[in-house]
Amino acid sequence: MSEVIENVSDSNFANAVLEANQPVLVDFWAPWCGPCRSLAPIVDELAEKYAGRARIMKINVDDNPAVVEHYHVKAIPTLVLFRDGEEQQRLVGVLGHEIIAHAIDAQL
């Protein structure tokens, strides 16, 4: 995992994501999820590309049920883009670098 990616949890989600002064891409994932592992290198690349302009965070769905339930995450991997404390866009499944980058660019 990229050093730029932050792990977030039920206890710090509001502070880390909703109060962030930059757009935040949250990767809802689980260690047993094959598609999540396939998406991980793309998320790592994007974290490096957008360092300083957008924050990339991961949340383990098994360990953080409150956030998962609150945002009605039903499938993983799910990527949710937040800006100014509000969900802006949701991407579900293994998507290409360009699609995710376009979504981030739209929030910058």
PDB file of N, CA and C in Angstrom:
ATOM      1  N   MET A   1       0.841  -1.180   0.000  1.00  0.00           N
ATOM      2  CA  MET A   1       0.000   0.000   0.000  1.00  0.00           C
ATOM      3  C   MET A   1       0.884   1.242   0.000  1.00  0.00           C
ATOM      4  N   SER A   2       0.489   2.215  -0.772  1.00  0.00           N
ATOM      5  CA  SER A   2       1.229   3.467  -0.859  1.00  0.00           C
ATOM      6  C   SER A   2       1.310   4.143   0.502  1.00  0.00           C
ATOM      7  N   GLU A   3       2.410   4.798   0.753  1.00  0.00           N
ATOM      8  CA  GLU A   3       2.571   5.529   2.012  1.00  0.00           C
ATOM      9  C   GLU A   3       1.644   6.737   2.081  1.00  0.00           C
ATOM     10  N   VAL A   4       1.120   7.167   0.953  1.00  0.00           N
ATOM     11  CA  VAL A   4       0.240   8.329   0.900  1.00  0.00           C
ATOM     12  C   VAL A   4      -1.182   7.958   1.321  1.00  0.00           C
ATOM     13  N   ILE A   5      -1.545   6.698   1.203  1.00  0.00           N
ATOM     14  CA  ILE A   5      -2.888   6.242   1.559  1.00  0.00           C
ATOM     15  C   ILE A   5      -3.012   6.146   3.072  1.00  0.00           C
ATOM     16  N   GLU A   6      -4.128   6.662   3.580  1.00  0.00           N
ATOM     17  CA  GLU A   6      -4.402   6.615   5.009  1.00  0.00           C
ATOM     18  C   GLU A   6      -5.487   5.583   5.274  1.00  0.00           C
ATOM     19  N   ASN A   7      -5.378   4.890   6.392  1.00  0.00           N
ATOM     20  CA  ASN A   7      -6.448   4.017   6.844  1.00  0.00           C
ATOM     21  C   ASN A   7      -7.371   4.831   7.725  1.00  0.00           C
ATOM     22  N   VAL A   8      -8.659   4.614   7.562  1.00  0.00           N
ATOM     23  CA  VAL A   8      -9.662   5.329   8.333  1.00  0.00           C
ATOM     24  C   VAL A   8     -10.558   4.292   9.000  1.00  0.00           C
ATOM     25  N   SER A   9     -11.220   4.691  10.078  1.00  0.00           N
ATOM     26  CA  SER A   9     -12.050   3.757  10.834  1.00  0.00           C
ATOM     27  C   SER A   9     -13.343   4.439  11.270  1.00  0.00           C
ATOM     28  N   ASP A  10     -14.211   3.646  11.898  1.00  0.00           N
ATOM     29  CA  ASP A  10     -15.442   4.210  12.444  1.00  0.00           C
ATOM     30  C   ASP A  10     -15.140   5.386  13.369  1.00  0.00           C
ATOM     31  N   SER A  11     -14.092   5.263  14.160  1.00  0.00           N
ATOM     32  CA  SER A  11     -13.812   6.274  15.180  1.00  0.00           C
ATOM     33  C   SER A  11     -13.250   7.582  14.636  1.00  0.00           C
ATOM     34  N   ASN A  12     -12.567   7.549  13.495  1.00  0.00           N
ATOM     35  CA  ASN A  12     -11.983   8.799  12.993  1.00  0.00           C
ATOM     36  C   ASN A  12     -12.519   9.220  11.626  1.00  0.00           C
ATOM     37  N   PHE A  13     -13.540   8.546  11.124  1.00  0.00           N
ATOM     38  CA  PHE A  13     -14.056   8.833   9.786  1.00  0.00           C
ATOM     39  C   PHE A  13     -14.530  10.280   9.658  1.00  0.00           C
ATOM     40  N   ALA A  14     -15.326  10.743  10.611  1.00  0.00           N
ATOM     41  CA  ALA A  14     -15.871  12.108  10.511  1.00  0.00           C
ATOM     42  C   ALA A  14     -14.750  13.135  10.444  1.00  0.00           C
ATOM     43  N   ASN A  15     -13.779  13.011  11.311  1.00  0.00           N
ATOM     44  CA  ASN A  15     -12.670  13.959  11.335  1.00  0.00           C
ATOM     45  C   ASN A  15     -11.810  13.850  10.081  1.00  0.00           C
ATOM     46  N   ALA A  16     -11.435  12.642   9.711  1.00  0.00           N
ATOM     47  CA  ALA A  16     -10.501  12.441   8.597  1.00  0.00           C
ATOM     48  C   ALA A  16     -11.133  12.706   7.235  1.00  0.00           C
ATOM     49  N   VAL A  17     -12.384  12.319   7.060  1.00  0.00           N
ATOM     50  CA  VAL A  17     -13.018  12.405   5.733  1.00  0.00           C
ATOM     51  C   VAL A  17     -13.943  13.607   5.619  1.00  0.00           C
ATOM     52  N   LEU A  18     -14.898  13.696   6.511  1.00  0.00           N
ATOM     53  CA  LEU A  18     -15.933  14.717   6.381  1.00  0.00           C
ATOM     54  C   LEU A  18     -15.435  16.126   6.666  1.00  0.00           C
ATOM     55  N   GLU A  19     -14.400  16.245   7.482  1.00  0.00           N
ATOM     56  CA  GLU A  19     -13.849  17.558   7.806  1.00  0.00           C
ATOM     57  C   GLU A  19     -12.588  17.889   7.006  1.00  0.00           C
ATOM     58  N   ALA A  20     -12.256  17.069   6.032  1.00  0.00           N
ATOM     59  CA  ALA A  20     -11.051  17.296   5.222  1.00  0.00           C
ATOM     60  C   ALA A  20     -11.206  18.551   4.374  1.00  0.00           C
ATOM     61  N   ASN A  21     -10.093  19.239   4.165  1.00  0.00           N
ATOM     62  CA  ASN A  21     -10.117  20.452   3.344  1.00  0.00           C
ATOM     63  C   ASN A  21      -9.771  20.173   1.881  1.00  0.00           C
ATOM     64  N   GLN A  22      -9.717  18.899   1.526  1.00  0.00           N
ATOM     65  CA  GLN A  22      -9.469  18.472   0.150  1.00  0.00           C
ATOM     66  C   GLN A  22     -10.499  17.403  -0.193  1.00  0.00           C
ATOM     67  N   PRO A  23     -10.695  17.140  -1.485  1.00  0.00           N
ATOM     68  CA  PRO A  23     -11.524  15.982  -1.841  1.00  0.00           C
ATOM     69  C   PRO A  23     -10.894  14.709  -1.276  1.00  0.00           C
ATOM     70  N   VAL A  24     -11.738  13.756  -0.886  1.00  0.00           N
ATOM     71  CA  VAL A  24     -11.274  12.496  -0.316  1.00  0.00           C
ATOM     72  C   VAL A  24     -11.919  11.342  -1.071  1.00  0.00           C
ATOM     73  N   LEU A  25     -11.091  10.416  -1.538  1.00  0.00           N
ATOM     74  CA  LEU A  25     -11.562   9.178  -2.141  1.00  0.00           C
ATOM     75  C   LEU A  25     -11.406   8.084  -1.091  1.00  0.00           C
ATOM     76  N   VAL A  26     -12.535   7.468  -0.713  1.00  0.00           N
ATOM     77  CA  VAL A  26     -12.504   6.404   0.286  1.00  0.00           C
ATOM     78  C   VAL A  26     -12.733   5.074  -0.414  1.00  0.00           C
ATOM     79  N   ASP A  27     -11.792   4.160  -0.215  1.00  0.00           N
ATOM     80  CA  ASP A  27     -11.861   2.810  -0.773  1.00  0.00           C
ATOM     81  C   ASP A  27     -12.410   1.877   0.303  1.00  0.00           C
ATOM     82  N   PHE A  28     -13.654   1.424   0.118  1.00  0.00           N
ATOM     83  CA  PHE A  28     -14.259   0.436   1.006  1.00  0.00           C
ATOM     84  C   PHE A  28     -13.821  -0.928   0.505  1.00  0.00           C
ATOM     85  N   TRP A  29     -13.134  -1.702   1.354  1.00  0.00           N
ATOM     86  CA  TRP A  29     -12.498  -2.949   0.922  1.00  0.00           C
ATOM     87  C   TRP A  29     -12.476  -3.964   2.065  1.00  0.00           C
ATOM     88  N   ALA A  30     -12.013  -5.151   1.753  1.00  0.00           N
ATOM     89  CA  ALA A  30     -11.769  -6.197   2.753  1.00  0.00           C
ATOM     90  C   ALA A  30     -10.589  -7.037   2.280  1.00  0.00           C
ATOM     91  N   PRO A  31      -9.795  -7.562   3.218  1.00  0.00           N
ATOM     92  CA  PRO A  31      -8.605  -8.327   2.823  1.00  0.00           C
ATOM     93  C   PRO A  31      -8.922  -9.614   2.068  1.00  0.00           C
ATOM     94  N   TRP A  32     -10.096 -10.195   2.261  1.00  0.00           N
ATOM     95  CA  TRP A  32     -10.476 -11.445   1.600  1.00  0.00           C
ATOM     96  C   TRP A  32     -11.066 -11.214   0.204  1.00  0.00           C
ATOM     97  N   CYS A  33     -11.268  -9.976  -0.185  1.00  0.00           N
ATOM     98  CA  CYS A  33     -11.960  -9.615  -1.429  1.00  0.00           C
ATOM     99  C   CYS A  33     -10.984  -9.597  -2.607  1.00  0.00           C
ATOM    100  N   GLY A  34     -11.129 -10.560  -3.513  1.00  0.00           N
ATOM    101  CA  GLY A  34     -10.263 -10.629  -4.698  1.00  0.00           C
ATOM    102  C   GLY A  34     -10.334  -9.383  -5.563  1.00  0.00           C
ATOM    103  N   PRO A  35     -11.525  -8.892  -5.908  1.00  0.00           N
ATOM    104  CA  PRO A  35     -11.593  -7.667  -6.696  1.00  0.00           C
ATOM    105  C   PRO A  35     -10.956  -6.467  -5.989  1.00  0.00           C
ATOM    106  N   CYS A  36     -11.049  -6.427  -4.668  1.00  0.00           N
ATOM    107  CA  CYS A  36     -10.405  -5.344  -3.915  1.00  0.00           C
ATOM    108  C   CYS A  36      -8.890  -5.396  -4.102  1.00  0.00           C
ATOM    109  N   ARG A  37      -8.341  -6.605  -4.076  1.00  0.00           N
ATOM    110  CA  ARG A  37      -6.898  -6.764  -4.291  1.00  0.00           C
ATOM    111  C   ARG A  37      -6.512  -6.366  -5.720  1.00  0.00           C
ATOM    112  N   SER A  38      -7.400  -6.617  -6.683  1.00  0.00           N
ATOM    113  CA  SER A  38      -7.132  -6.218  -8.066  1.00  0.00           C
ATOM    114  C   SER A  38      -7.130  -4.701  -8.221  1.00  0.00           C
ATOM    115  N   LEU A  39      -7.986  -4.036  -7.472  1.00  0.00           N
ATOM    116  CA  LEU A  39      -8.100  -2.582  -7.551  1.00  0.00           C
ATOM    117  C   LEU A  39      -6.979  -1.865  -6.796  1.00  0.00           C
ATOM    118  N   ALA A  40      -6.392  -2.517  -5.808  1.00  0.00           N
ATOM    119  CA  ALA A  40      -5.404  -1.887  -4.926  1.00  0.00           C
ATOM    120  C   ALA A  40      -4.254  -1.196  -5.662  1.00  0.00           C
ATOM    121  N   PRO A  41      -3.638  -1.809  -6.691  1.00  0.00           N
ATOM    122  CA  PRO A  41      -2.536  -1.107  -7.371  1.00  0.00           C
ATOM    123  C   PRO A  41      -2.986   0.185  -8.063  1.00  0.00           C
ATOM    124  N   ILE A  42      -4.206   0.195  -8.553  1.00  0.00           N
ATOM    125  CA  ILE A  42      -4.735   1.405  -9.197  1.00  0.00           C
ATOM    126  C   ILE A  42      -4.931   2.493  -8.152  1.00  0.00           C
ATOM    127  N   VAL A  43      -5.491   2.134  -7.012  1.00  0.00           N
ATOM    128  CA  VAL A  43      -5.683   3.095  -5.924  1.00  0.00           C
ATOM    129  C   VAL A  43      -4.327   3.621  -5.448  1.00  0.00           C
ATOM    130  N   ASP A  44      -3.335   2.746  -5.355  1.00  0.00           N
ATOM    131  CA  ASP A  44      -1.983   3.173  -4.967  1.00  0.00           C
ATOM    132  C   ASP A  44      -1.424   4.200  -5.953  1.00  0.00           C
ATOM    133  N   GLU A  45      -1.566   3.930  -7.253  1.00  0.00           N
ATOM    134  CA  GLU A  45      -1.079   4.855  -8.279  1.00  0.00           C
ATOM    135  C   GLU A  45      -1.771   6.204  -8.170  1.00  0.00           C
ATOM    136  N   LEU A  46      -3.079   6.174  -7.958  1.00  0.00           N
ATOM    137  CA  LEU A  46      -3.835   7.420  -7.859  1.00  0.00           C
ATOM    138  C   LEU A  46      -3.447   8.207  -6.604  1.00  0.00           C
ATOM    139  N   ALA A  47      -3.153   7.506  -5.526  1.00  0.00           N
ATOM    140  CA  ALA A  47      -2.725   8.186  -4.301  1.00  0.00           C
ATOM    141  C   ALA A  47      -1.438   8.963  -4.547  1.00  0.00           C
ATOM    142  N   GLU A  48      -0.516   8.359  -5.275  1.00  0.00           N
ATOM    143  CA  GLU A  48       0.735   9.045  -5.600  1.00  0.00           C
ATOM    144  C   GLU A  48       0.480  10.216  -6.548  1.00  0.00           C
ATOM    145  N   LYS A  49      -0.354  10.002  -7.547  1.00  0.00           N
ATOM    146  CA  LYS A  49      -0.639  11.031  -8.549  1.00  0.00           C
ATOM    147  C   LYS A  49      -1.293  12.266  -7.933  1.00  0.00           C
ATOM    148  N   TYR A  50      -2.205  12.057  -6.994  1.00  0.00           N
ATOM    149  CA  TYR A  50      -2.986  13.162  -6.433  1.00  0.00           C
ATOM    150  C   TYR A  50      -2.487  13.639  -5.075  1.00  0.00           C
ATOM    151  N   ALA A  51      -1.340  13.152  -4.639  1.00  0.00           N
ATOM    152  CA  ALA A  51      -0.788  13.562  -3.344  1.00  0.00           C
ATOM    153  C   ALA A  51      -0.706  15.088  -3.268  1.00  0.00           C
ATOM    154  N   GLY A  52      -1.240  15.632  -2.181  1.00  0.00           N
ATOM    155  CA  GLY A  52      -1.231  17.077  -1.988  1.00  0.00           C
ATOM    156  C   GLY A  52      -2.454  17.776  -2.553  1.00  0.00           C
ATOM    157  N   ARG A  53      -3.198  17.092  -3.429  1.00  0.00           N
ATOM    158  CA  ARG A  53      -4.391  17.706  -4.025  1.00  0.00           C
ATOM    159  C   ARG A  53      -5.677  17.025  -3.598  1.00  0.00           C
ATOM    160  N   ALA A  54      -5.596  15.741  -3.322  1.00  0.00           N
ATOM    161  CA  ALA A  54      -6.741  14.956  -2.856  1.00  0.00           C
ATOM    162  C   ALA A  54      -6.201  13.888  -1.922  1.00  0.00           C
ATOM    163  N   ARG A  55      -7.020  13.475  -0.981  1.00  0.00           N
ATOM    164  CA  ARG A  55      -6.607  12.436  -0.047  1.00  0.00           C
ATOM    165  C   ARG A  55      -7.249  11.118  -0.457  1.00  0.00           C
ATOM    166  N   ILE A  56      -6.482  10.047  -0.319  1.00  0.00           N
ATOM    167  CA  ILE A  56      -6.972   8.700  -0.616  1.00  0.00           C
ATOM    168  C   ILE A  56      -6.940   7.926   0.691  1.00  0.00           C
ATOM    169  N   MET A  57      -8.080   7.339   1.036  1.00  0.00           N
ATOM    170  CA  MET A  57      -8.184   6.595   2.288  1.00  0.00           C
ATOM    171  C   MET A  57      -8.821   5.238   2.037  1.00  0.00           C
ATOM    172  N   LYS A  58      -8.505   4.291   2.902  1.00  0.00           N
ATOM    173  CA  LYS A  58      -9.079   2.950   2.841  1.00  0.00           C
ATOM    174  C   LYS A  58      -9.792   2.672   4.150  1.00  0.00           C
ATOM    175  N   ILE A  59     -10.929   1.969   4.038  1.00  0.00           N
ATOM    176  CA  ILE A  59     -11.643   1.535   5.229  1.00  0.00           C
ATOM    177  C   ILE A  59     -12.007   0.070   5.067  1.00  0.00           C
ATOM    178  N   ASN A  60     -11.584  -0.735   6.027  1.00  0.00           N
ATOM    179  CA  ASN A  60     -11.861  -2.169   6.014  1.00  0.00           C
ATOM    180  C   ASN A  60     -13.315  -2.365   6.458  1.00  0.00           C
ATOM    181  N   VAL A  61     -14.138  -2.908   5.570  1.00  0.00           N
ATOM    182  CA  VAL A  61     -15.573  -3.036   5.853  1.00  0.00           C
ATOM    183  C   VAL A  61     -15.859  -4.005   6.990  1.00  0.00           C
ATOM    184  N   ASP A  62     -15.014  -4.994   7.186  1.00  0.00           N
ATOM    185  CA  ASP A  62     -15.233  -5.965   8.263  1.00  0.00           C
ATOM    186  C   ASP A  62     -14.994  -5.347   9.639  1.00  0.00           C
ATOM    187  N   ASP A  63     -14.076  -4.428   9.727  1.00  0.00           N
ATOM    188  CA  ASP A  63     -13.693  -3.842  11.002  1.00  0.00           C
ATOM    189  C   ASP A  63     -14.448  -2.564  11.349  1.00  0.00           C
ATOM    190  N   ASN A  64     -15.212  -2.023  10.404  1.00  0.00           N
ATOM    191  CA  ASN A  64     -15.841  -0.712  10.590  1.00  0.00           C
ATOM    192  C   ASN A  64     -17.294  -0.705  10.125  1.00  0.00           C
ATOM    193  N   PRO A  65     -18.152  -1.466  10.799  1.00  0.00           N
ATOM    194  CA  PRO A  65     -19.528  -1.621  10.332  1.00  0.00           C
ATOM    195  C   PRO A  65     -20.380  -0.354  10.409  1.00  0.00           C
ATOM    196  N   ALA A  66     -20.065   0.564  11.300  1.00  0.00           N
ATOM    197  CA  ALA A  66     -20.902   1.757  11.438  1.00  0.00           C
ATOM    198  C   ALA A  66     -20.849   2.627  10.178  1.00  0.00           C
ATOM    199  N   VAL A  67     -19.651   2.881   9.676  1.00  0.00           N
ATOM    200  CA  VAL A  67     -19.513   3.693   8.464  1.00  0.00           C
ATOM    201  C   VAL A  67     -20.116   2.960   7.264  1.00  0.00           C
ATOM    202  N   VAL A  68     -19.869   1.670   7.179  1.00  0.00           N
ATOM    203  CA  VAL A  68     -20.403   0.862   6.069  1.00  0.00           C
ATOM    204  C   VAL A  68     -21.928   0.940   6.053  1.00  0.00           C
ATOM    205  N   GLU A  69     -22.527   0.789   7.212  1.00  0.00           N
ATOM    206  CA  GLU A  69     -23.992   0.848   7.298  1.00  0.00           C
ATOM    207  C   GLU A  69     -24.505   2.249   6.996  1.00  0.00           C
ATOM    208  N   HIS A  70     -23.850   3.257   7.548  1.00  0.00           N
ATOM    209  CA  HIS A  70     -24.296   4.642   7.342  1.00  0.00           C
ATOM    210  C   HIS A  70     -24.310   5.018   5.859  1.00  0.00           C
ATOM    211  N   TYR A  71     -23.310   4.575   5.126  1.00  0.00           N
ATOM    212  CA  TYR A  71     -23.212   4.919   3.699  1.00  0.00           C
ATOM    213  C   TYR A  71     -23.793   3.840   2.790  1.00  0.00           C
ATOM    214  N   HIS A  72     -24.461   2.873   3.368  1.00  0.00           N
ATOM    215  CA  HIS A  72     -25.174   1.836   2.603  1.00  0.00           C
ATOM    216  C   HIS A  72     -24.276   1.159   1.564  1.00  0.00           C
ATOM    217  N   VAL A  73     -23.068   0.797   1.987  1.00  0.00           N
ATOM    218  CA  VAL A  73     -22.153   0.089   1.099  1.00  0.00           C
ATOM    219  C   VAL A  73     -22.600  -1.373   1.070  1.00  0.00           C
ATOM    220  N   LYS A  74     -23.036  -1.818  -0.091  1.00  0.00           N
ATOM    221  CA  LYS A  74     -23.590  -3.167  -0.244  1.00  0.00           C
ATOM    222  C   LYS A  74     -22.653  -4.122  -0.983  1.00  0.00           C
ATOM    223  N   ALA A  75     -21.671  -3.581  -1.696  1.00  0.00           N
ATOM    224  CA  ALA A  75     -20.735  -4.399  -2.479  1.00  0.00           C
ATOM    225  C   ALA A  75     -19.348  -3.769  -2.359  1.00  0.00           C
ATOM    226  N   ILE A  76     -18.353  -4.619  -2.462  1.00  0.00           N
ATOM    227  CA  ILE A  76     -16.983  -4.110  -2.464  1.00  0.00           C
ATOM    228  C   ILE A  76     -16.243  -4.709  -3.656  1.00  0.00           C
ATOM    229  N   PRO A  77     -15.285  -3.986  -4.190  1.00  0.00           N
ATOM    230  CA  PRO A  77     -14.842  -2.668  -3.766  1.00  0.00           C
ATOM    231  C   PRO A  77     -15.835  -1.572  -4.157  1.00  0.00           C
ATOM    232  N   THR A  78     -15.951  -0.604  -3.280  1.00  0.00           N
ATOM    233  CA  THR A  78     -16.715   0.606  -3.552  1.00  0.00           C
ATOM    234  C   THR A  78     -15.806   1.783  -3.250  1.00  0.00           C
ATOM    235  N   LEU A  79     -15.753   2.721  -4.164  1.00  0.00           N
ATOM    236  CA  LEU A  79     -14.996   3.960  -3.981  1.00  0.00           C
ATOM    237  C   LEU A  79     -16.012   5.094  -3.854  1.00  0.00           C
ATOM    238  N   VAL A  80     -15.878   5.888  -2.804  1.00  0.00           N
ATOM    239  CA  VAL A  80     -16.782   7.014  -2.603  1.00  0.00           C
ATOM    240  C   VAL A  80     -15.947   8.279  -2.518  1.00  0.00           C
ATOM    241  N   LEU A  81     -16.328   9.261  -3.336  1.00  0.00           N
ATOM    242  CA  LEU A  81     -15.654  10.556  -3.339  1.00  0.00           C
ATOM    243  C   LEU A  81     -16.441  11.529  -2.478  1.00  0.00           C
ATOM    244  N   PHE A  82     -15.740  12.162  -1.545  1.00  0.00           N
ATOM    245  CA  PHE A  82     -16.336  13.162  -0.668  1.00  0.00           C
ATOM    246  C   PHE A  82     -15.666  14.504  -0.935  1.00  0.00           C
ATOM    247  N   ARG A  83     -16.458  15.551  -0.840  1.00  0.00           N
ATOM    248  CA  ARG A  83     -15.923  16.918  -0.877  1.00  0.00           C
ATOM    249  C   ARG A  83     -16.791  17.758   0.044  1.00  0.00           C
ATOM    250  N   ASP A  84     -16.159  18.523   0.888  1.00  0.00           N
ATOM    251  CA  ASP A  84     -16.865  19.384   1.843  1.00  0.00           C
ATOM    252  C   ASP A  84     -17.856  18.594   2.692  1.00  0.00           C
ATOM    253  N   GLY A  85     -17.462  17.386   3.082  1.00  0.00           N
ATOM    254  CA  GLY A  85     -18.274  16.585   3.976  1.00  0.00           C
ATOM    255  C   GLY A  85     -19.452  15.876   3.340  1.00  0.00           C
ATOM    256  N   GLU A  86     -19.580  15.963   2.028  1.00  0.00           N
ATOM    257  CA  GLU A  86     -20.710  15.365   1.325  1.00  0.00           C
ATOM    258  C   GLU A  86     -20.239  14.356   0.288  1.00  0.00           C
ATOM    259  N   GLU A  87     -20.985  13.264   0.161  1.00  0.00           N
ATOM    260  CA  GLU A  87     -20.699  12.297  -0.896  1.00  0.00           C
ATOM    261  C   GLU A  87     -20.987  12.938  -2.242  1.00  0.00           C
ATOM    262  N   GLN A  88     -20.008  12.871  -3.137  1.00  0.00           N
ATOM    263  CA  GLN A  88     -20.147  13.462  -4.467  1.00  0.00           C
ATOM    264  C   GLN A  88     -20.366  12.412  -5.545  1.00  0.00           C
ATOM    265  N   GLN A  89     -19.698  11.275  -5.403  1.00  0.00           N
ATOM    266  CA  GLN A  89     -19.798  10.235  -6.428  1.00  0.00           C
ATOM    267  C   GLN A  89     -19.427   8.893  -5.813  1.00  0.00           C
ATOM    268  N   ARG A  90     -20.030   7.837  -6.372  1.00  0.00           N
ATOM    269  CA  ARG A  90     -19.780   6.470  -5.900  1.00  0.00           C
ATOM    270  C   ARG A  90     -19.449   5.615  -7.113  1.00  0.00           C
ATOM    271  N   LEU A  91     -18.361   4.854  -7.006  1.00  0.00           N
ATOM    272  CA  LEU A  91     -17.928   3.949  -8.060  1.00  0.00           C
ATOM    273  C   LEU A  91     -17.852   2.551  -7.457  1.00  0.00           C
ATOM    274  N   VAL A  92     -18.514   1.597  -8.084  1.00  0.00           N
ATOM    275  CA  VAL A  92     -18.573   0.237  -7.540  1.00  0.00           C
ATOM    276  C   VAL A  92     -17.910  -0.721  -8.520  1.00  0.00           C
ATOM    277  N   GLY A  93     -17.058  -1.593  -7.976  1.00  0.00           N
ATOM    278  CA  GLY A  93     -16.399  -2.603  -8.789  1.00  0.00           C
ATOM    279  C   GLY A  93     -14.981  -2.203  -9.151  1.00  0.00           C
ATOM    280  N   VAL A  94     -14.350  -3.067  -9.917  1.00  0.00           N
ATOM    281  CA  VAL A  94     -12.983  -2.809 -10.371  1.00  0.00           C
ATOM    282  C   VAL A  94     -13.066  -1.969 -11.631  1.00  0.00           C
ATOM    283  N   LEU A  95     -12.644  -0.734 -11.501  1.00  0.00           N
ATOM    284  CA  LEU A  95     -12.690   0.209 -12.611  1.00  0.00           C
ATOM    285  C   LEU A  95     -11.278   0.613 -12.990  1.00  0.00           C
ATOM    286  N   GLY A  96     -11.134   1.116 -14.197  1.00  0.00           N
ATOM    287  CA  GLY A  96      -9.828   1.515 -14.696  1.00  0.00           C
ATOM    288  C   GLY A  96      -9.333   2.820 -14.110  1.00  0.00           C
ATOM    289  N   HIS A  97      -8.054   3.006 -14.217  1.00  0.00           N
ATOM    290  CA  HIS A  97      -7.358   4.199 -13.739  1.00  0.00           C
ATOM    291  C   HIS A  97      -8.016   5.471 -14.268  1.00  0.00           C
ATOM    292  N   GLU A  98      -8.321   5.504 -15.557  1.00  0.00           N
ATOM    293  CA  GLU A  98      -8.853   6.703 -16.187  1.00  0.00           C
ATOM    294  C   GLU A  98     -10.213   7.094 -15.629  1.00  0.00           C
ATOM    295  N   ILE A  99     -11.077   6.125 -15.382  1.00  0.00           N
ATOM    296  CA  ILE A  99     -12.419   6.408 -14.869  1.00  0.00           C
ATOM    297  C   ILE A  99     -12.321   7.022 -13.464  1.00  0.00           C
ATOM    298  N   ILE A 100     -11.499   6.433 -12.635  1.00  0.00           N
ATOM    299  CA  ILE A 100     -11.361   6.927 -11.256  1.00  0.00           C
ATOM    300  C   ILE A 100     -10.677   8.301 -11.260  1.00  0.00           C
ATOM    301  N   ALA A 101      -9.648   8.465 -12.074  1.00  0.00           N
ATOM    302  CA  ALA A 101      -8.955   9.752 -12.160  1.00  0.00           C
ATOM    303  C   ALA A 101      -9.897  10.848 -12.638  1.00  0.00           C
ATOM    304  N   HIS A 102     -10.738  10.541 -13.586  1.00  0.00           N
ATOM    305  CA  HIS A 102     -11.724  11.508 -14.079  1.00  0.00           C
ATOM    306  C   HIS A 102     -12.665  11.931 -12.950  1.00  0.00           C
ATOM    307  N   ALA A 103     -13.093  10.994 -12.135  1.00  0.00           N
ATOM    308  CA  ALA A 103     -13.984  11.305 -11.014  1.00  0.00           C
ATOM    309  C   ALA A 103     -13.279  12.210 -10.005  1.00  0.00           C
ATOM    310  N   ILE A 104     -12.008  11.918  -9.716  1.00  0.00           N
ATOM    311  CA  ILE A 104     -11.249  12.764  -8.791  1.00  0.00           C
ATOM    312  C   ILE A 104     -11.068  14.154  -9.393  1.00  0.00           C
ATOM    313  N   ASP A 105     -10.682  14.209 -10.664  1.00  0.00           N
ATOM    314  CA  ASP A 105     -10.473  15.510 -11.330  1.00  0.00           C
ATOM    315  C   ASP A 105     -11.717  16.386 -11.252  1.00  0.00           C
ATOM    316  N   ALA A 106     -12.881  15.778 -11.340  1.00  0.00           N
ATOM    317  CA  ALA A 106     -14.135  16.540 -11.301  1.00  0.00           C
ATOM    318  C   ALA A 106     -14.348  17.213  -9.934  1.00  0.00           C
ATOM    319  N   GLN A 107     -13.676  16.708  -8.908  1.00  0.00           N
ATOM    320  CA  GLN A 107     -13.834  17.283  -7.567  1.00  0.00           C
ATOM    321  C   GLN A 107     -12.742  18.284  -7.212  1.00  0.00           C
ATOM    322  N   LEU A 108     -11.742  18.410  -8.058  1.00  0.00           N
ATOM    323  CA  LEU A 108     -10.638  19.352  -7.773  1.00  0.00           C
ATOM    324  C   LEU A 108     -10.967  20.756  -8.241  1.00  0.00           C
TER     325      LEU A 108
END
